[in-house]
């Protein structure tokens, strides 16, 4: 996947980037949304919510260059052409989780099949990072559906 370098000296976001980088701060946001209609549509089609959620988040992330901007391990600043989701799967038997990633496609049926294939292969495998060769252009997603919070 292509990584586009950003020339810091010419980057209009540099003052903001340096301010927050030097403060070592992070940013999180939560929002309450009503997904009643979405759930109804998914149930009618026999489609699971979790992969749909991962797909929707990844589509949004990939539609904004700012969300794909990062520092690589060597300190290089740039942005990826696109990102892949790396997400957690829960193991109900021992209450642990594993992190896997799935090849992304803008076409939902293709992504959904990729997700199902990965779940078939990895859902019973225990360990933290069980799918090898995590791509550099992946980003983490996690969900705890039994918890509700607003902050």
Protein backbone atom coordinates (compact mmCIF):
# COMPACT_ATOMS: atom_id res chain seq x y z
CA UNK A 1 0.00 0.00 0.00
CA UNK A 2 1.33 3.41 -0.93
CA UNK A 3 2.48 5.77 1.83
CA UNK A 4 2.51 9.43 0.75
CA UNK A 5 5.16 11.58 2.41
CA UNK A 6 4.16 14.96 3.82
CA UNK A 7 6.65 17.80 3.51
CA UNK A 8 6.36 19.28 7.00
CA UNK A 9 7.70 22.69 5.91
CA UNK A 10 4.88 23.07 3.37
CA UNK A 11 2.12 21.41 5.42
CA UNK A 12 -0.65 23.79 6.53
CA UNK A 13 -1.44 21.55 9.51
CA UNK A 14 2.12 21.61 10.90
CA UNK A 15 1.47 24.03 13.81
CA UNK A 16 -1.46 21.90 15.01
CA UNK A 17 0.44 18.67 14.52
CA UNK A 18 3.47 19.88 16.48
CA UNK A 19 1.34 21.35 19.27
CA UNK A 20 -0.51 18.10 19.96
CA UNK A 21 2.50 15.88 19.28
CA UNK A 22 4.61 17.78 21.82
CA UNK A 23 1.83 17.65 24.41
CA UNK A 24 1.66 13.87 23.99
CA UNK A 25 -2.12 14.10 24.00
CA UNK A 26 -4.66 11.79 22.46
CA UNK A 27 -8.13 12.45 21.18
CA UNK A 28 -11.27 10.37 21.55
CA UNK A 29 -14.89 11.09 20.83
CA UNK A 30 -18.10 9.22 21.43
CA UNK A 31 -21.55 9.97 20.10
CA UNK A 32 -24.92 8.39 20.71
CA UNK A 33 -26.66 7.41 17.50
CA UNK A 34 -29.93 5.62 16.94
CA UNK A 35 -29.26 2.47 14.89
CA UNK A 36 -32.75 0.98 15.18
CA UNK A 37 -33.37 1.18 11.42
CA UNK A 38 -29.91 -0.17 10.63
CA UNK A 39 -30.41 -3.16 12.96
CA UNK A 40 -33.79 -3.89 11.40
CA UNK A 41 -32.34 -3.80 7.88
CA UNK A 42 -29.38 -6.01 8.85
CA UNK A 43 -31.64 -8.56 10.56
CA UNK A 44 -33.92 -8.67 7.51
CA UNK A 45 -30.91 -9.47 5.33
CA UNK A 46 -29.25 -11.90 7.78
CA UNK A 47 -26.19 -9.66 8.13
CA UNK A 48 -24.28 -9.26 11.41
CA UNK A 49 -23.81 -5.86 13.05
CA UNK A 50 -20.11 -6.13 14.03
CA UNK A 51 -18.67 -6.57 10.51
CA UNK A 52 -21.11 -3.93 9.26
CA UNK A 53 -19.88 -1.53 11.94
CA UNK A 54 -16.24 -2.27 11.04
CA UNK A 55 -17.03 -1.69 7.36
CA UNK A 56 -18.79 1.63 8.00
CA UNK A 57 -16.00 2.95 10.26
CA UNK A 58 -13.34 1.92 7.74
CA UNK A 59 -15.24 3.59 4.86
CA UNK A 60 -15.37 6.84 6.86
CA UNK A 61 -11.69 6.63 7.87
CA UNK A 62 -10.66 5.99 4.27
CA UNK A 63 -12.74 8.90 2.97
CA UNK A 64 -10.65 11.46 4.92
CA UNK A 65 -6.92 11.86 4.31
CA UNK A 66 -6.59 13.39 7.79
CA UNK A 67 -7.76 10.12 9.36
CA UNK A 68 -5.11 8.21 7.39
CA UNK A 69 -2.23 10.47 8.46
CA UNK A 70 0.38 8.93 10.73
CA UNK A 71 3.97 8.74 11.82
CA UNK A 72 5.62 5.52 10.73
CA UNK A 73 7.91 3.69 13.17
CA UNK A 74 10.93 5.46 11.65
CA UNK A 75 9.33 8.89 12.32
CA UNK A 76 8.32 9.51 8.71
CA UNK A 77 5.19 11.66 8.45
CA UNK A 78 2.65 10.90 5.75
CA UNK A 79 -0.67 9.35 4.96
CA UNK A 80 -1.74 5.99 3.57
CA UNK A 81 -3.79 5.68 0.40
CA UNK A 82 -6.15 3.51 2.45
CA UNK A 83 -6.27 1.69 5.77
CA UNK A 84 -7.34 -1.81 6.76
CA UNK A 85 -9.31 -2.57 9.92
CA UNK A 86 -7.63 -4.44 12.77
CA UNK A 87 -10.27 -5.46 15.27
CA UNK A 88 -10.85 -7.60 18.31
CA UNK A 89 -12.81 -10.83 18.48
CA UNK A 90 -14.16 -12.07 21.80
CA UNK A 91 -13.72 -15.62 23.09
CA UNK A 92 -16.75 -16.33 25.23
CA UNK A 93 -15.35 -19.57 26.68
CA UNK A 94 -12.43 -17.94 28.49
CA UNK A 95 -13.52 -14.27 28.33
CA UNK A 96 -10.37 -13.25 26.40
CA UNK A 97 -10.01 -11.59 23.02
CA UNK A 98 -7.75 -11.69 20.02
CA UNK A 99 -6.83 -9.07 17.47
CA UNK A 100 -7.07 -9.85 13.77
CA UNK A 101 -7.21 -7.79 10.59
CA UNK A 102 -9.22 -8.18 7.42
CA UNK A 103 -8.50 -7.14 3.85
CA UNK A 104 -10.78 -4.20 3.08
CA UNK A 105 -12.91 -3.56 0.01
CA UNK A 106 -15.20 -0.60 -0.65
CA UNK A 107 -17.71 -3.17 -1.85
CA UNK A 108 -19.56 -4.38 1.25
CA UNK A 109 -20.27 -7.94 -0.02
CA UNK A 110 -16.55 -8.44 -0.72
CA UNK A 111 -15.52 -7.10 2.69
CA UNK A 112 -18.24 -9.13 4.45
CA UNK A 113 -16.98 -12.32 2.79
CA UNK A 114 -13.38 -11.48 3.77
CA UNK A 115 -14.57 -10.94 7.36
CA UNK A 116 -16.49 -14.23 7.39
CA UNK A 117 -13.47 -16.10 5.99
CA UNK A 118 -11.24 -14.62 8.71
CA UNK A 119 -13.75 -15.46 11.43
CA UNK A 120 -13.97 -19.03 10.17
CA UNK A 121 -10.19 -19.36 10.31
CA UNK A 122 -9.42 -17.43 13.52
CA UNK A 123 -12.49 -17.34 15.79
CA UNK A 124 -11.35 -20.33 17.85
CA UNK A 125 -7.64 -19.44 17.90
CA UNK A 126 -6.46 -17.98 21.22
CA UNK A 127 -3.73 -15.38 21.56
CA UNK A 128 -3.32 -11.66 21.24
CA UNK A 129 -2.24 -11.12 17.60
CA UNK A 130 -3.26 -14.39 15.96
CA UNK A 131 -3.33 -13.36 12.30
CA UNK A 132 0.25 -12.79 11.23
CA UNK A 133 1.73 -10.07 9.04
CA UNK A 134 -0.37 -7.19 10.33
CA UNK A 135 -0.10 -4.57 7.58
CA UNK A 136 1.51 -1.22 8.38
CA UNK A 137 -1.58 0.48 7.02
CA UNK A 138 -3.98 -1.00 9.58
CA UNK A 139 -5.82 0.83 12.34
CA UNK A 140 -7.40 -0.57 15.52
CA UNK A 141 -11.15 -0.90 16.10
CA UNK A 142 -12.69 -2.36 19.22
CA UNK A 143 -16.22 -2.68 20.48
CA UNK A 144 -17.72 -3.72 23.79
CA UNK A 145 -21.42 -3.99 22.95
CA UNK A 146 -22.61 -4.64 26.50
CA UNK A 147 -21.21 -1.31 27.77
CA UNK A 148 -22.89 2.06 27.29
CA UNK A 149 -21.08 5.33 27.96
CA UNK A 150 -21.14 8.93 26.83
CA UNK A 151 -17.73 10.42 27.31
